[in-house]
Amino acid sequence: MTTAIREVNNSIWFSLEEHLTPLPTDTKESRVWHVLPAIVLLPSGILTGCLAGAAKVIDYAVSIFSWKRPEDPFKDFSAVLRDSRLWKSLGNLEKAPPPGKGNPNFLFGAATCTYQDSGAKNCPNSQWANWERANLPEENQSGESANLFQLYQTAKGRAEIYDRLHKLGVNSYRFSIEWSHIEPKQGEFNLKNLQVYVDFCKYLRDHGITPVITLHHFSEPKWFHEMGSFENEENIHHFVTFAKKIFPYLTRSYQGHSLVEHFCTINEPGTEALSRFIRGVFSPGTFFNFTRAGHFLKGVLKAHCVAYKALKNIAPKAHIGIVHQYISFTATNWLVFPVTRYLTRLVNDVIMNFFKTGTFELKIPFSCHIVEKNLQPKTDFVGLQYYVRPIIGLTGPTSYYNEPMTQMPFHEDPEGLYEAILEAYKAFRAPVIVTENGISTHDEAQRFRYMQRALYAVRKAQEKIGEKNLLGYFVWALSNNFEWDMGMKPQAFGAYQVHSGRLDPMPKKGMNAFIKVVEAWKRTWATARAA
């Protein structure tokens, strides 16, 4: 009975939402007749909503006085998604099989972004240089951050990067080509800076590290940003021109194969749309404008499609993917539900449906209805980023079951990575590389616990979708760095601490969980080779 009430309530609210969403601009349907049913649906929705709330209370009361066999996370890991307290019943995770078991080509790596790890002093032509100066306290601005771009340019610096990667045991390194380094002014290309990246990739290859490149990671040249960025679709060709310019240098044959084999076109388009036009914490600093967010997101996704086709024509064997952050907001209160519903739609659902159907569609009641069909998106892999499935209450981010909070500040949610991998694989219909995952904390015991559990979740997801469909895992980040609108502090994602612009010589203690899993993975493929 209670299930039926909830289903009726959901059906009514879905219909109400449909009638309160603006019609597409090219429709011939009467706007009056489109909105009219909402007059009947609204009181019906309120009534069934109250009944559904009462049913939920009754269900809870019944559960208190009835015995239910506890779920077994060994048989079904998804039980942990429903109740994070079940982590304890899994016991010691150190002996669990690692992700990539038996596969020496699995990409275990660390990830970073050039603007974040090198700062405004090294990237003065990025739109972020002006934005952070105007919006962040001077003591929390990026400065030179971890100064990695300078390290890329010298033999000593490159050796320092390799040393830090080697201590983590990884075989791959994901970083971004800073567009403003290559094209600081429209049409003027700095080939000297491009050669820095090329030489660094060669150094990585020489030392057994596979480079993975991101072409657009939130940062772009000021001139492109001032033209309207991807919100203005006439600008897409500028990004494609940049990508085509650098691609031949990065895909030349080196040591018998392409210098770089894996490319991510654009990083987290949904998150960027949210941050630019809903939260207002990225330039241009617009608040709750779903129309602009939708047009920006559509432009970014179309830019990926155009770039994918153009770059495949240059290097058909290159693996080209897009990066998506899986975020699913949960409301603890019905008053917050509309907010979490439409935020999830913008940052997650629209993108996944785009790759499922080839249609871009964003519908927000009283705000916008943006549609474009037959876009035929393609991707060789999906770069999946995951940190948390945020739980939002009336006072902001919160948690269930007294789960620990992180510096972000969101609850600790490693089990959600399992859900993220399964959902991404289903939506994108392409192999998954976890291109970012990590935790911001100053508590190294918490970091150890999170990394151990997250990697266990990765392994369980790999068992579910198939070994060949999960290609790698990258921890975010190599070093503490600039976390965009939150500045340099108090965020602490890095595997390494940074002091005075220098990486510490040893990883943080909490990274031992990650290092142990990588070591276990190496033993599995060494054993397989011996056999």
Protein backbone atom coordinates (compact mmCIF):
# COMPACT_ATOMS: atom_id res chain seq x y z
CA MET A 1 0.00 0.00 0.00
CA THR A 2 2.72 2.47 0.99
CA THR A 3 4.66 1.67 -2.20
CA ALA A 4 1.57 2.37 -4.30
CA ILE A 5 1.04 5.74 -2.58
CA ARG A 6 4.63 6.75 -3.24
CA GLU A 7 4.37 5.71 -6.90
CA VAL A 8 1.18 7.74 -7.39
CA ASN A 9 2.78 10.73 -5.66
CA ASN A 10 5.88 10.50 -7.86
CA SER A 11 3.76 10.21 -10.99
CA ILE A 12 1.77 13.33 -10.10
CA TRP A 13 4.87 15.38 -9.36
CA PHE A 14 6.56 14.25 -12.58
CA SER A 15 3.48 15.38 -14.53
CA LEU A 16 3.35 18.66 -12.62
CA GLU A 17 7.01 19.29 -13.40
CA GLU A 18 6.36 18.61 -17.09
CA HIS A 19 3.58 21.20 -17.24
CA LEU A 20 5.56 23.83 -15.34
CA THR A 21 8.59 23.49 -17.61
CA PRO A 22 8.70 26.11 -20.41
CA LEU A 23 7.97 24.80 -23.88
CA PRO A 24 10.80 24.72 -26.43
CA THR A 25 11.02 27.94 -28.43
CA ASP A 26 10.09 26.23 -31.72
CA THR A 27 6.92 24.50 -30.44
CA LYS A 28 3.43 25.19 -31.82
CA GLU A 29 1.66 23.97 -28.68
CA SER A 30 -0.44 26.51 -26.77
CA ARG A 31 1.38 27.67 -23.66
CA VAL A 32 -1.94 28.19 -21.83
CA TRP A 33 -3.10 24.62 -22.44
CA HIS A 34 0.36 23.39 -21.52
CA VAL A 35 0.24 25.01 -18.05
CA LEU A 36 -3.48 24.53 -17.29
CA PRO A 37 -3.29 20.92 -15.93
CA ALA A 38 -0.90 22.13 -13.21
CA ILE A 39 -3.89 23.79 -11.47
CA VAL A 40 -5.37 20.34 -10.82
CA LEU A 41 -2.10 18.50 -10.30
CA LEU A 42 -0.72 20.80 -7.59
CA PRO A 43 -3.34 20.10 -4.86
CA SER A 44 -3.32 16.41 -5.82
CA GLY A 45 0.45 16.33 -5.40
CA ILE A 46 0.26 18.02 -2.01
CA LEU A 47 -2.35 15.50 -0.83
CA THR A 48 -0.46 12.42 -2.03
CA GLY A 49 2.77 13.94 -0.70
CA CYS A 50 1.25 14.14 2.78
CA LEU A 51 -0.01 10.56 2.47
CA ALA A 52 3.43 9.39 1.30
CA GLY A 53 5.03 11.14 4.28
CA ALA A 54 2.62 9.44 6.66
CA ALA A 55 3.32 6.09 5.00
CA LYS A 56 7.04 6.63 5.51
CA VAL A 57 6.49 7.23 9.23
CA ILE A 58 4.37 4.07 9.46
CA ASP A 59 7.05 2.03 7.65
CA TYR A 60 9.68 3.29 10.08
CA ALA A 61 7.53 2.45 13.10
CA VAL A 62 6.90 -1.06 11.77
CA SER A 63 10.62 -1.59 11.15
CA ILE A 64 11.39 -0.82 14.81
CA PHE A 65 9.17 -3.64 16.04
CA SER A 66 9.93 -6.21 13.33
CA TRP A 67 13.03 -8.34 12.90
CA LYS A 68 14.80 -8.27 9.57
CA ARG A 69 17.78 -10.37 8.59
CA PRO A 70 20.81 -8.07 8.13
CA GLU A 71 22.03 -7.69 4.56
CA ASP A 72 25.25 -9.49 3.69
CA PRO A 73 27.75 -7.17 1.92
CA PHE A 74 29.93 -10.18 1.03
CA LYS A 75 27.12 -11.49 -1.18
CA ASP A 76 25.91 -8.11 -2.40
CA PHE A 77 28.19 -5.10 -2.01
CA SER A 78 25.34 -2.75 -2.89
CA ALA A 79 24.10 -3.33 0.67
CA VAL A 80 26.86 -0.97 1.80
CA LEU A 81 25.36 1.74 -0.43
CA ARG A 82 22.19 1.53 1.64
CA ASP A 83 23.94 1.40 5.02
CA SER A 84 27.57 2.48 5.35
CA ARG A 85 27.77 0.87 8.79
CA LEU A 86 28.11 -2.47 6.98
CA TRP A 87 31.73 -1.61 6.15
CA LYS A 88 32.63 -2.93 9.59
CA SER A 89 31.14 -6.34 8.82
CA LEU A 90 33.57 -6.71 5.89
CA GLY A 91 36.44 -6.86 8.36
CA ASN A 92 40.07 -6.47 7.29
CA LEU A 93 40.22 -5.39 3.63
CA GLU A 94 44.00 -5.73 3.20
CA LYS A 95 43.73 -9.25 1.78
CA ALA A 96 41.04 -8.35 -0.75
CA PRO A 97 41.98 -8.73 -4.44
CA PRO A 98 43.15 -5.41 -5.95
CA PRO A 99 41.61 -3.65 -8.95
CA GLY A 100 43.28 -4.67 -12.20
CA LYS A 101 44.15 -8.09 -10.81
CA GLY A 102 46.50 -9.92 -13.18
CA ASN A 103 46.57 -7.09 -15.74
CA PRO A 104 49.94 -5.27 -16.12
CA ASN A 105 48.29 -2.73 -18.46
CA PHE A 106 45.85 -1.52 -15.81
CA LEU A 107 46.53 2.18 -15.23
CA PHE A 108 47.30 2.89 -11.58
CA GLY A 109 48.16 6.56 -11.35
CA ALA A 110 48.08 9.96 -9.73
CA ALA A 111 46.22 12.89 -11.27
CA THR A 112 46.64 16.63 -11.28
CA CYS A 113 45.78 19.80 -13.23
CA THR A 114 48.38 22.32 -14.35
CA TYR A 115 46.57 25.43 -13.15
CA GLN A 116 45.86 23.83 -9.79
CA ASP A 117 49.40 22.52 -9.25
CA SER A 118 51.24 25.50 -10.76
CA GLY A 119 49.04 28.48 -9.94
CA ALA A 120 48.49 31.95 -11.33
CA LYS A 121 52.19 32.82 -11.33
CA ASN A 122 52.84 30.04 -13.82
CA CYS A 123 49.54 30.50 -15.70
CA PRO A 124 49.01 34.29 -15.86
CA ASN A 125 46.99 34.15 -19.09
CA SER A 126 44.26 31.89 -17.68
CA GLN A 127 40.87 33.40 -16.82
CA TRP A 128 41.44 32.01 -13.33
CA ALA A 129 44.36 34.34 -12.63
CA ASN A 130 42.07 37.39 -12.69
CA TRP A 131 39.14 35.64 -11.01
CA GLU A 132 41.01 34.44 -7.94
CA ARG A 133 42.72 37.82 -7.47
CA ALA A 134 39.29 39.45 -7.36
CA ASN A 135 37.53 36.85 -5.23
CA LEU A 136 39.97 35.13 -2.86
CA PRO A 137 41.99 36.52 0.04
CA GLU A 138 45.59 37.03 -1.01
CA GLU A 139 46.87 34.48 1.52
CA ASN A 140 44.62 31.79 0.00
CA GLN A 141 45.37 32.45 -3.68
CA SER A 142 47.24 29.92 -5.78
CA GLY A 143 50.53 31.78 -6.26
CA GLU A 144 52.83 29.11 -7.65
CA SER A 145 50.98 26.30 -5.80
CA ALA A 146 53.23 23.20 -5.99
CA ASN A 147 55.17 24.74 -8.91
CA LEU A 148 55.01 21.55 -10.99
CA PHE A 149 55.14 23.29 -14.39
CA GLN A 150 58.59 24.60 -13.46
CA LEU A 151 59.64 21.07 -12.51
CA TYR A 152 58.55 19.80 -15.93
CA GLN A 153 61.18 22.06 -17.55
CA THR A 154 64.42 20.77 -16.01
CA ALA A 155 66.10 17.38 -15.68
CA LYS A 156 66.26 17.81 -11.90
CA GLY A 157 62.59 18.78 -11.71
CA ARG A 158 61.42 15.89 -13.88
CA ALA A 159 63.46 13.51 -11.72
CA GLU A 160 61.71 14.91 -8.65
CA ILE A 161 58.28 14.24 -10.16
CA TYR A 162 59.30 10.71 -11.10
CA ASP A 163 60.67 10.07 -7.61
CA ARG A 164 57.31 11.00 -6.06
CA LEU A 165 55.40 8.85 -8.55
CA HIS A 166 57.80 5.95 -8.02
CA LYS A 167 57.26 6.06 -4.25
CA LEU A 168 53.54 5.64 -4.85
CA GLY A 169 54.27 2.66 -7.10
CA VAL A 170 52.15 3.97 -9.97
CA ASN A 171 52.60 3.37 -13.70
CA SER A 172 50.66 6.39 -14.97
CA TYR A 173 50.31 10.15 -14.49
CA ARG A 174 47.33 12.25 -15.58
CA PHE A 175 47.85 15.98 -16.03
CA SER A 176 46.53 18.81 -18.20
CA ILE A 177 47.98 20.78 -21.07
CA GLU A 178 47.28 24.37 -19.98
CA TRP A 179 45.64 25.96 -23.04
CA SER A 180 46.76 29.45 -22.00
CA HIS A 181 50.38 28.23 -22.09
CA ILE A 182 50.00 27.18 -25.71
CA GLU A 183 47.73 29.93 -27.08
CA PRO A 184 48.07 32.94 -24.73
CA LYS A 185 46.66 35.20 -27.45
CA GLN A 186 44.15 34.15 -30.07
CA GLY A 187 45.95 32.53 -32.99
CA GLU A 188 49.43 32.93 -31.46
CA PHE A 189 50.90 29.56 -30.45
CA ASN A 190 53.80 29.20 -28.01
CA LEU A 191 55.62 26.13 -29.34
CA LYS A 192 58.32 26.48 -26.68
CA ASN A 193 55.77 25.77 -23.94
CA LEU A 194 54.31 22.94 -26.00
CA GLN A 195 57.77 21.39 -26.22
CA VAL A 196 57.98 21.46 -22.40
CA TYR A 197 54.96 19.16 -22.26
CA VAL A 198 56.27 16.95 -25.07
CA ASP A 199 59.67 16.54 -23.42
CA PHE A 200 58.03 15.78 -20.09
CA CYS A 201 55.88 13.07 -21.71
CA LYS A 202 59.03 11.56 -23.24
CA TYR A 203 60.70 11.56 -19.84
CA LEU A 204 57.72 9.78 -18.31
CA ARG A 205 57.77 7.16 -21.08
CA ASP A 206 61.52 6.65 -20.61
CA HIS A 207 60.86 5.84 -16.96
CA GLY A 208 57.91 3.50 -17.42
CA ILE A 209 55.16 6.03 -16.65
CA THR A 210 52.20 6.30 -19.05
CA PRO A 211 51.05 9.91 -19.57
CA VAL A 212 47.32 10.65 -19.74
CA ILE A 213 46.47 14.14 -21.01
CA THR A 214 43.49 16.41 -20.32
CA LEU A 215 42.95 19.18 -22.88
CA HIS A 216 40.56 21.43 -20.92
CA HIS A 217 40.53 21.28 -17.12
CA PHE A 218 38.39 24.27 -16.00
CA SER A 219 41.15 26.69 -17.11
CA GLU A 220 41.13 28.47 -20.48
CA PRO A 221 42.80 31.54 -22.04
CA LYS A 222 41.39 34.91 -21.01
CA TRP A 223 40.61 35.80 -24.63
CA PHE A 224 38.46 32.67 -25.07
CA HIS A 225 36.69 33.27 -21.77
CA GLU A 226 35.92 36.89 -22.67
CA MET A 227 34.35 35.70 -25.96
CA GLY A 228 31.80 33.71 -23.97
CA SER A 229 33.65 30.40 -23.71
CA PHE A 230 31.54 27.35 -24.66
CA GLU A 231 28.29 29.14 -23.84
CA ASN A 232 28.63 30.70 -27.29
CA GLU A 233 28.75 27.72 -29.66
CA GLU A 234 30.47 29.83 -32.32
CA ASN A 235 33.58 29.55 -30.12
CA ILE A 236 33.81 25.76 -30.28
CA HIS A 237 36.17 25.90 -33.25
CA HIS A 238 38.77 27.76 -31.16
CA PHE A 239 39.05 24.81 -28.77
CA VAL A 240 39.19 22.36 -31.66
CA THR A 241 41.94 24.42 -33.34
CA PHE A 242 44.01 24.30 -30.14
CA ALA A 243 43.48 20.54 -29.79
CA LYS A 244 44.40 19.91 -33.45
CA LYS A 245 47.52 22.05 -33.07
CA ILE A 246 48.99 20.06 -30.19
CA PHE A 247 47.74 16.61 -31.15
CA PRO A 248 50.38 15.71 -33.79
CA TYR A 249 53.18 16.55 -31.33
CA LEU A 250 51.69 14.30 -28.65
CA THR A 251 50.79 11.35 -30.87
CA ARG A 252 54.10 10.95 -32.68
CA SER A 253 55.64 7.52 -32.51
CA TYR A 254 57.94 7.11 -29.54
CA GLN A 255 59.53 3.84 -28.43
CA GLY A 256 57.33 1.96 -30.86
CA HIS A 257 53.97 3.47 -29.89
CA SER A 258 52.22 6.82 -29.61
CA LEU A 259 53.86 9.19 -27.14
CA VAL A 260 50.45 9.74 -25.52
CA GLU A 261 47.70 7.19 -26.04
CA HIS A 262 44.91 8.42 -23.74
CA PHE A 263 43.36 11.89 -24.04
CA CYS A 264 40.54 13.46 -22.04
CA THR A 265 38.91 16.26 -24.03
CA ILE A 266 37.07 18.19 -21.31
CA ASN A 267 37.04 17.82 -17.54
CA GLU A 268 33.74 17.65 -15.63
CA PRO A 269 31.48 19.81 -17.84
CA GLY A 270 28.54 19.40 -15.47
CA THR A 271 30.52 20.60 -12.48
CA GLU A 272 31.79 23.57 -14.45
CA ALA A 273 28.28 24.55 -15.57
CA LEU A 274 27.12 24.33 -11.96
CA SER A 275 30.03 26.35 -10.63
CA ARG A 276 29.87 29.10 -13.28
CA PHE A 277 26.14 29.68 -13.53
CA ILE A 278 24.38 28.19 -10.48
CA ARG A 279 26.75 28.51 -7.53
CA GLY A 280 28.48 31.56 -9.00
CA VAL A 281 31.90 30.57 -7.66
CA PHE A 282 33.64 30.31 -11.06
CA SER A 283 33.81 33.22 -13.50
CA PRO A 284 31.49 34.82 -14.65
CA GLY A 285 29.98 34.36 -11.18
CA THR A 286 26.31 33.97 -12.13
CA PHE A 287 23.82 32.60 -9.58
CA PHE A 288 21.00 30.14 -10.31
CA ASN A 289 20.75 30.78 -14.03
CA PHE A 290 19.82 27.36 -15.40
CA THR A 291 19.35 28.75 -18.90
CA ARG A 292 22.96 29.91 -19.18
CA ALA A 293 24.19 26.77 -17.44
CA GLY A 294 22.29 24.65 -19.95
CA HIS A 295 23.64 26.48 -22.99
CA PHE A 296 27.18 26.27 -21.61
CA LEU A 297 26.80 22.55 -20.95
CA LYS A 298 25.38 21.92 -24.42
CA GLY A 299 28.28 23.85 -25.94
CA VAL A 300 30.86 21.86 -23.99
CA LEU A 301 29.34 18.52 -24.99
CA LYS A 302 29.17 19.58 -28.64
CA ALA A 303 32.81 20.70 -28.39
CA HIS A 304 33.72 17.19 -27.26
CA CYS A 305 31.86 15.70 -30.23
CA VAL A 306 33.58 17.98 -32.75
CA ALA A 307 37.02 17.53 -31.15
CA TYR A 308 36.62 13.75 -30.98
CA LYS A 309 35.95 13.53 -34.72
CA ALA A 310 38.74 15.96 -35.65
CA LEU A 311 41.36 14.28 -33.47
CA LYS A 312 40.42 10.79 -34.65
CA ASN A 313 41.14 11.97 -38.19
CA ILE A 314 44.67 12.90 -37.06
CA ALA A 315 45.40 9.81 -34.94
CA PRO A 316 42.77 7.08 -35.41
CA LYS A 317 44.34 4.79 -32.79
CA ALA A 318 44.34 7.41 -30.01
CA HIS A 319 41.97 6.71 -27.12
CA ILE A 320 39.82 9.81 -26.69
CA GLY A 321 37.35 10.21 -23.85
CA ILE A 322 35.44 12.79 -21.86
CA VAL A 323 35.62 13.25 -18.08
CA HIS A 324 32.42 13.14 -16.03
CA GLN A 325 32.03 13.67 -12.31
CA TYR A 326 29.29 11.43 -10.96
CA ILE A 327 27.22 13.40 -8.46
CA SER A 328 23.83 12.40 -7.11
CA PHE A 329 22.44 14.78 -4.49
CA THR A 330 20.16 13.45 -1.74
CA ALA A 331 17.75 15.61 0.26
CA THR A 332 17.04 14.90 3.93
CA ASN A 333 14.00 17.18 3.86
CA TRP A 334 11.21 17.56 1.30
CA LEU A 335 11.80 21.32 1.28
CA VAL A 336 15.29 20.71 -0.10
CA PHE A 337 14.24 18.03 -2.58
CA PRO A 338 13.53 20.36 -5.55
CA VAL A 339 17.02 21.85 -5.23
CA THR A 340 18.80 18.49 -5.08
CA ARG A 341 16.65 17.10 -7.89
CA TYR A 342 17.49 19.84 -10.38
CA LEU A 343 21.13 20.10 -9.39
CA THR A 344 21.51 16.36 -10.01
CA ARG A 345 19.73 16.75 -13.33
CA LEU A 346 22.14 19.46 -14.48
CA VAL A 347 25.45 17.99 -13.34
CA ASN A 348 24.74 14.31 -13.87
CA ASP A 349 21.54 13.15 -15.54
CA VAL A 350 21.62 15.40 -18.61
CA ILE A 351 25.16 14.29 -19.49
CA MET A 352 24.46 10.60 -19.01
CA ASN A 353 21.26 10.81 -21.05
CA PHE A 354 23.14 12.70 -23.77
CA PHE A 355 25.53 9.77 -24.23
CA LYS A 356 22.69 7.26 -24.00
CA THR A 357 20.38 8.90 -26.52
CA GLY A 358 22.35 11.47 -28.52
CA THR A 359 19.87 14.14 -27.41
CA PHE A 360 20.72 17.07 -25.16
CA GLU A 361 17.72 18.04 -23.05
CA LEU A 362 17.59 20.16 -19.90
CA LYS A 363 14.15 20.80 -18.40
CA ILE A 364 13.82 23.00 -15.30
CA PRO A 365 10.35 24.19 -14.16
CA PHE A 366 9.76 27.96 -14.53
CA SER A 367 13.27 28.30 -15.98
CA CYS A 368 14.30 26.58 -19.21
CA HIS A 369 13.72 23.81 -21.70
CA ILE A 370 16.78 23.40 -23.92
CA VAL A 371 16.74 20.62 -26.52
CA GLU A 372 18.97 19.55 -29.39
CA LYS A 373 18.72 16.13 -31.04
CA ASN A 374 20.82 13.84 -33.23
CA LEU A 375 24.23 14.92 -31.90
CA GLN A 376 25.74 11.41 -32.13
CA PRO A 377 28.27 11.59 -29.26
CA LYS A 378 31.18 9.15 -29.24
CA THR A 379 33.80 8.34 -26.66
CA ASP A 380 36.41 5.59 -26.44
CA PHE A 381 36.28 5.62 -22.65
CA VAL A 382 34.70 7.64 -19.88
CA GLY A 383 37.00 9.30 -17.39
CA LEU A 384 34.99 8.97 -14.19
CA GLN A 385 35.55 11.32 -11.27
CA TYR A 386 33.95 10.57 -7.94
CA TYR A 387 34.15 12.06 -4.47
CA VAL A 388 30.74 11.92 -2.82
CA ARG A 389 26.99 11.60 -3.22
CA PRO A 390 26.17 14.77 -1.25
CA ILE A 391 23.47 14.63 1.41
CA ILE A 392 21.86 18.06 1.76
CA GLY A 393 19.70 19.18 4.67
CA LEU A 394 18.16 22.51 5.61
CA THR A 395 21.46 23.63 7.15
CA GLY A 396 23.66 22.38 4.30
CA PRO A 397 25.78 19.24 3.77
CA THR A 398 25.27 16.53 6.36
CA SER A 399 25.55 12.73 6.79
CA TYR A 400 23.69 9.62 7.89
CA TYR A 401 24.73 7.29 10.73
CA ASN A 402 27.24 9.85 12.09
CA GLU A 403 29.54 9.29 9.10
CA PRO A 404 32.75 11.34 9.33
CA MET A 405 32.88 14.57 7.34
CA THR A 406 35.74 15.67 5.09
CA GLN A 407 37.27 19.10 4.51
CA MET A 408 35.05 19.70 1.47
CA PRO A 409 32.81 19.54 3.70
CA PHE A 410 30.84 16.44 2.69
CA HIS A 411 30.39 13.06 4.33
CA GLU A 412 32.91 10.27 3.80
CA ASP A 413 31.38 8.12 1.07
CA PRO A 414 33.83 5.66 -0.55
CA GLU A 415 31.11 3.09 -1.25
CA GLY A 416 29.47 5.48 -3.71
CA LEU A 417 32.35 4.86 -6.11
CA TYR A 418 30.85 1.41 -6.76
CA GLU A 419 27.54 2.99 -7.80
CA ALA A 420 29.32 5.63 -9.88
CA ILE A 421 31.28 3.07 -11.90
CA LEU A 422 28.22 0.93 -12.61
CA GLU A 423 26.07 3.91 -13.61
CA ALA A 424 28.79 5.45 -15.80
CA TYR A 425 29.43 2.18 -17.62
CA LYS A 426 25.72 1.75 -18.28
CA ALA A 427 25.22 5.31 -19.52
CA PHE A 428 28.34 5.87 -21.63
CA ARG A 429 28.53 2.29 -22.95
CA ALA A 430 32.31 2.52 -22.91
CA PRO A 431 35.15 1.30 -20.68
CA VAL A 432 35.69 3.29 -17.48
CA ILE A 433 38.87 4.87 -16.16
CA VAL A 434 38.53 6.37 -12.69
CA THR A 435 40.46 9.54 -13.52
CA GLU A 436 39.98 11.13 -10.08
CA ASN A 437 39.08 9.88 -6.64
CA GLY A 438 40.33 10.89 -3.24
CA ILE A 439 39.61 12.60 0.05
CA SER A 440 40.40 16.01 1.49
CA THR A 441 41.43 15.47 5.09
CA HIS A 442 44.16 16.35 7.57
CA ASP A 443 43.47 13.09 9.44
CA GLU A 444 45.79 10.44 7.98
CA ALA A 445 43.85 7.60 9.64
CA GLN A 446 40.76 8.82 7.79
CA ARG A 447 42.71 8.99 4.52
CA PHE A 448 43.96 5.41 5.02
CA ARG A 449 40.43 4.14 5.73
CA TYR A 450 38.93 6.00 2.79
CA MET A 451 41.55 4.84 0.27
CA GLN A 452 41.29 1.24 1.40
CA ARG A 453 37.51 1.24 1.14
CA ALA A 454 37.39 3.16 -2.15
CA LEU A 455 39.78 0.71 -3.82
CA TYR A 456 37.74 -2.21 -2.48
CA ALA A 457 34.64 -0.60 -4.04
CA VAL A 458 36.53 -0.27 -7.34
CA ARG A 459 37.36 -3.96 -7.30
CA LYS A 460 33.75 -4.97 -6.57
CA ALA A 461 32.58 -2.75 -9.44
CA GLN A 462 35.15 -4.29 -11.77
CA GLU A 463 33.85 -7.74 -10.91
CA LYS A 464 30.35 -6.53 -11.77
CA ILE A 465 31.03 -4.85 -15.13
CA GLY A 466 33.87 -7.13 -16.26
CA GLU A 467 37.64 -6.93 -16.00
CA LYS A 468 38.16 -5.41 -19.46
CA ASN A 469 35.65 -2.61 -18.83
CA LEU A 470 37.56 -0.92 -15.99
CA LEU A 471 40.91 0.27 -17.31
CA GLY A 472 42.45 2.29 -14.49
CA TYR A 473 42.32 4.24 -11.25
CA PHE A 474 43.96 7.62 -10.53
CA VAL A 475 44.15 9.08 -7.06
CA TRP A 476 43.48 12.80 -6.74
CA ALA A 477 45.88 14.41 -6.35
CA LEU A 478 49.65 14.06 -6.57
CA SER A 479 50.06 17.05 -4.25
CA ASN A 480 48.05 19.45 -2.17
CA ASN A 481 47.07 22.20 -4.58
CA PHE A 482 44.71 25.02 -5.44
CA GLU A 483 41.10 23.83 -5.11
CA TRP A 484 39.47 26.52 -7.22
CA ASP A 485 36.94 28.66 -5.30
CA MET A 486 38.11 27.14 -2.00
CA GLY A 487 41.69 28.25 -2.54
CA MET A 488 44.83 26.56 -1.24
CA LYS A 489 43.51 25.85 2.26
CA PRO A 490 42.08 24.01 4.12
CA GLN A 491 41.80 21.42 1.33
CA ALA A 492 44.27 18.54 1.53
CA PHE A 493 43.68 15.97 -1.23
CA GLY A 494 47.33 15.48 -2.08
CA ALA A 495 49.35 12.30 -1.78
CA TYR A 496 52.19 14.69 -0.91
CA GLN A 497 52.26 17.75 1.28
CA VAL A 498 53.74 20.96 -0.16
CA HIS A 499 56.00 23.32 1.75
CA SER A 500 57.32 26.56 0.23
CA GLY A 501 56.41 25.41 -3.27
CA ARG A 502 58.20 22.07 -2.89
CA LEU A 503 56.80 18.55 -2.70
CA ASP A 504 57.62 16.73 0.50
CA PRO A 505 60.03 13.83 -0.12
CA MET A 506 57.69 11.17 1.30
CA PRO A 507 53.96 10.49 0.80
CA LYS A 508 51.47 11.20 3.54
CA LYS A 509 51.02 8.26 5.93
CA GLY A 510 47.41 7.76 4.88
CA MET A 511 48.59 6.95 1.35
CA ASN A 512 50.02 3.65 2.62
CA ALA A 513 46.63 2.06 1.95
CA PHE A 514 46.89 3.03 -1.73
CA ILE A 515 50.55 1.96 -1.94
CA LYS A 516 49.76 -1.47 -0.46
CA VAL A 517 46.99 -2.08 -3.00
CA VAL A 518 49.29 -1.10 -5.88
CA GLU A 519 51.94 -3.48 -4.54
CA ALA A 520 49.34 -6.27 -4.32
CA TRP A 521 48.29 -5.55 -7.92
CA LYS A 522 51.90 -5.85 -9.10
CA ARG A 523 52.23 -9.22 -7.38
CA THR A 524 49.14 -10.53 -9.18
CA TRP A 525 50.43 -9.88 -12.68
CA ALA A 526 53.96 -10.95 -11.77
CA THR A 527 52.47 -14.26 -10.60
CA ALA A 528 50.39 -14.51 -13.78
CA ARG A 529 53.49 -14.01 -15.94
CA ALA A 530 55.43 -16.61 -13.98
CA ALA A 531 52.63 -19.11 -14.50
